Amino acid sequence: MKITGLDLSLRKTGAAHVRLEREVLAVTARIIPGKALGEGHDRLDFVLREIGQHIRHSDLVLIEGLAHSQNTNKASELAGLHWLVRHGLWRRGIPYLVVITQHLKIYATGRGTRVDKDDVLAAMIRRYPDVEIAGNDGADALALAAMGADYMGQPLASVPDSHRRALRMITWPDRIQEMREAFGGSSDHPAA
């Protein structure tokens, strides 16, 4: 089973993959469009193509939700990217889940407030020392992929219950719950 985490951005998208086969394997990457692409359709097209490569053969994708408090001119473009990625997953029949940033932070650090990207990065480096993490974006993506693996009953590392409570805060769609049961995970919520 391949679980992918995505921290979407038009400047630096973080991607992480967890494979839950014989040996658990986790990797992270960054998608950084070149400056020559400009700001419009060429940049968006590049990012979407690269994301398409990352979601290939994925069984489950977790995407960090939008921070609605952002008040920038780029917010509508980022929202467009989110919906294009989600639509692409839907068209491919790949189940996905949008995880709000607070739940990602709780899973990574145990706290949902007063946590910045560097806190998440530091927590991910400590918890997964064998994974080369591609910056803050890769750390967020890794936290998402790790959440998916943990929910499937295959945590990448020991995660304290104060962090795992984030899994109980999420409403997991029926299709993902069915995948979990088929994969051998419990039908009960984790850390219940």
Protein backbone atom coordinates (compact mmCIF):
# COMPACT_ATOMS: atom_id res chain seq x y z
CA MET A 1 0.00 0.00 0.00
CA LYS A 2 1.30 3.46 -0.94
CA ILE A 3 0.16 6.45 1.13
CA THR A 4 1.04 9.94 -0.08
CA GLY A 5 1.01 13.18 1.88
CA LEU A 6 0.84 16.52 0.05
CA ASP A 7 1.51 20.02 1.37
CA LEU A 8 0.34 21.93 -1.70
CA SER A 9 1.90 25.19 -2.78
CA LEU A 10 2.56 27.04 -6.01
CA ARG A 11 6.11 27.75 -4.82
CA LYS A 12 7.25 24.70 -2.81
CA THR A 13 4.96 21.68 -2.66
CA GLY A 14 5.96 19.02 -0.17
CA ALA A 15 5.33 15.38 -1.01
CA ALA A 16 5.92 12.28 1.09
CA HIS A 17 5.35 8.64 0.35
CA VAL A 18 5.00 5.76 2.76
CA ARG A 19 5.01 2.21 1.47
CA LEU A 20 3.51 -0.37 3.77
CA GLU A 21 4.72 -3.54 2.15
CA ARG A 22 7.29 -5.94 3.56
CA GLU A 23 9.32 -3.11 5.05
CA VAL A 24 7.93 0.33 5.87
CA LEU A 25 9.66 2.92 3.71
CA ALA A 26 9.18 6.69 3.85
CA VAL A 27 10.59 9.36 1.52
CA THR A 28 9.95 13.08 1.05
CA ALA A 29 10.43 15.46 -1.86
CA ARG A 30 9.89 19.08 -2.84
CA ILE A 31 8.34 20.32 -6.06
CA ILE A 32 9.86 23.71 -6.85
CA PRO A 33 8.96 25.31 -10.20
CA GLY A 34 11.72 27.32 -11.84
CA LYS A 35 11.46 31.11 -11.94
CA ALA A 36 11.33 31.00 -15.74
CA LEU A 37 7.82 29.52 -15.50
CA GLY A 38 6.41 32.81 -14.30
CA GLU A 39 3.30 33.05 -12.15
CA GLY A 40 0.42 31.83 -14.27
CA HIS A 41 -0.70 28.77 -16.17
CA ASP A 42 2.81 27.50 -16.94
CA ARG A 43 3.66 27.30 -13.22
CA LEU A 44 0.34 25.66 -12.39
CA ASP A 45 0.75 23.15 -15.21
CA PHE A 46 4.25 22.24 -14.01
CA VAL A 47 3.12 21.75 -10.40
CA LEU A 48 0.14 19.63 -11.47
CA ARG A 49 2.30 17.41 -13.70
CA GLU A 50 4.79 16.87 -10.89
CA ILE A 51 2.04 16.10 -8.38
CA GLY A 52 0.62 13.64 -10.91
CA GLN A 53 3.93 11.76 -10.80
CA HIS A 54 3.84 11.68 -7.00
CA ILE A 55 0.29 10.36 -6.75
CA ARG A 56 0.90 7.59 -9.31
CA HIS A 57 0.13 4.21 -7.77
CA SER A 58 -1.06 5.82 -4.52
CA ASP A 59 -3.75 3.97 -2.62
CA LEU A 60 -4.51 6.91 -0.33
CA VAL A 61 -3.59 10.61 -0.38
CA LEU A 62 -3.76 13.02 2.56
CA ILE A 63 -3.66 16.73 1.70
CA GLU A 64 -3.05 19.58 4.11
CA GLY A 65 -6.09 21.85 4.10
CA LEU A 66 -6.01 25.49 3.21
CA ALA A 67 -5.38 28.10 5.89
CA HIS A 68 -8.47 30.24 5.36
CA SER A 69 -6.91 33.03 7.40
CA GLN A 70 -4.49 33.73 4.54
CA ASN A 71 -5.33 37.05 2.99
CA THR A 72 -3.06 37.23 -0.03
CA ASN A 73 -3.57 37.64 -3.74
CA LYS A 74 -2.29 34.09 -4.15
CA ALA A 75 -5.03 32.56 -1.96
CA SER A 76 -7.41 32.05 -4.89
CA GLU A 77 -4.65 30.48 -7.00
CA LEU A 78 -3.77 28.12 -4.15
CA ALA A 79 -7.45 27.22 -3.71
CA GLY A 80 -7.57 26.49 -7.44
CA LEU A 81 -4.55 24.19 -7.13
CA HIS A 82 -6.20 22.36 -4.25
CA TRP A 83 -9.36 21.72 -6.21
CA LEU A 84 -7.51 20.67 -9.35
CA VAL A 85 -5.49 18.13 -7.35
CA ARG A 86 -8.58 16.85 -5.56
CA HIS A 87 -10.47 16.58 -8.85
CA GLY A 88 -7.54 14.69 -10.39
CA LEU A 89 -7.56 12.23 -7.49
CA TRP A 90 -11.31 11.79 -7.83
CA ARG A 91 -10.98 11.13 -11.58
CA ARG A 92 -8.30 8.50 -10.92
CA GLY A 93 -10.42 6.87 -8.21
CA ILE A 94 -7.77 7.50 -5.55
CA PRO A 95 -9.31 8.08 -2.12
CA TYR A 96 -8.12 11.25 -0.46
CA LEU A 97 -8.63 13.16 2.74
CA VAL A 98 -8.11 16.85 3.43
CA VAL A 99 -6.57 17.26 6.90
CA ILE A 100 -6.85 20.61 8.63
CA THR A 101 -3.55 22.13 9.67
CA GLN A 102 -4.40 21.97 13.37
CA HIS A 103 -4.79 18.16 13.21
CA LEU A 104 -1.49 17.83 11.35
CA LYS A 105 0.23 19.93 14.04
CA ILE A 106 -1.30 17.89 16.85
CA TYR A 107 -0.15 14.63 15.27
CA ALA A 108 3.36 16.02 14.72
CA THR A 109 3.90 17.95 17.97
CA GLY A 110 1.06 17.17 20.37
CA ARG A 111 -0.14 20.80 20.18
CA GLY A 112 -2.51 22.43 17.71
CA THR A 113 -1.80 26.07 18.50
CA ARG A 114 1.35 28.14 18.76
CA VAL A 115 3.10 25.70 16.46
CA ASP A 116 4.94 26.89 13.38
CA LYS A 117 6.44 24.99 10.46
CA ASP A 118 9.85 24.81 12.15
CA ASP A 119 8.26 23.08 15.16
CA VAL A 120 6.74 20.47 12.85
CA LEU A 121 10.06 20.02 11.04
CA ALA A 122 11.95 19.52 14.32
CA ALA A 123 9.36 17.02 15.57
CA MET A 124 9.48 15.03 12.33
CA ILE A 125 13.29 14.93 12.34
CA ARG A 126 13.27 13.62 15.93
CA ARG A 127 10.58 11.02 15.34
CA TYR A 128 11.84 9.78 11.96
CA PRO A 129 15.64 10.17 12.07
CA ASP A 130 16.17 7.73 9.18
CA VAL A 131 14.04 9.75 6.76
CA GLU A 132 15.72 12.53 4.81
CA ILE A 133 13.14 15.31 5.12
CA ALA A 134 12.90 17.89 2.34
CA GLY A 135 12.45 21.02 4.45
CA ASN A 136 9.32 22.29 6.17
CA ASP A 137 7.09 21.31 3.25
CA GLY A 138 8.43 17.76 3.26
CA ALA A 139 7.93 17.59 7.04
CA ASP A 140 4.26 18.56 6.72
CA ALA A 141 3.80 16.02 3.94
CA LEU A 142 5.54 13.34 6.01
CA ALA A 143 3.27 14.06 8.99
CA LEU A 144 0.27 13.57 6.69
CA ALA A 145 1.56 10.31 5.21
CA ALA A 146 2.47 9.08 8.70
CA MET A 147 -1.07 9.86 9.87
CA GLY A 148 -2.43 7.73 7.06
CA ALA A 149 -0.06 4.87 7.87
CA ASP A 150 -0.94 5.07 11.56
CA TYR A 151 -4.65 5.04 10.77
CA MET A 152 -4.11 1.94 8.64
CA GLY A 153 -2.58 0.25 11.69
CA GLN A 154 1.05 0.59 10.54
CA PRO A 155 2.58 3.57 12.40
CA LEU A 156 6.03 4.53 11.13
CA ALA A 157 7.26 5.04 14.69
CA SER A 158 5.93 5.10 18.21
CA VAL A 159 3.63 8.12 18.49
CA PRO A 160 2.38 9.32 21.90
CA ASP A 161 -1.37 9.21 22.51
CA SER A 162 -1.29 13.00 23.00
CA HIS A 163 -0.32 13.19 19.32
CA ARG A 164 -2.42 10.27 18.03
CA ARG A 165 -5.58 11.93 19.34
CA ALA A 166 -5.50 13.89 16.07
CA LEU A 167 -6.54 10.67 14.30
CA ARG A 168 -9.71 10.54 16.40
CA MET A 169 -10.53 14.17 15.54
CA ILE A 170 -10.75 13.38 11.84
CA THR A 171 -13.91 12.14 10.17
CA TRP A 172 -12.47 9.40 8.00
CA PRO A 173 -14.62 8.74 4.92
CA ASP A 174 -16.29 5.33 4.71
CA ARG A 175 -14.09 4.31 1.78
CA ILE A 176 -10.93 4.90 3.80
CA GLN A 177 -12.38 3.10 6.82
CA GLU A 178 -13.13 0.12 4.55
CA MET A 179 -9.56 0.20 3.22
CA ARG A 180 -8.30 0.15 6.78
CA GLU A 181 -10.35 -2.90 7.67
CA ALA A 182 -9.28 -4.68 4.46
CA PHE A 183 -5.63 -3.83 5.20
CA GLY A 184 -5.97 -5.45 8.61
CA GLY A 185 -6.38 -2.38 10.81
CA SER A 186 -9.03 -2.33 13.51
CA SER A 187 -12.49 -0.97 12.75
CA ASP A 188 -12.26 0.99 16.01
CA HIS A 189 -10.74 4.44 16.00
CA PRO A 190 -7.03 4.41 16.87
CA ALA A 191 -5.97 5.21 20.39
CA ALA A 192 -9.58 4.95 21.56
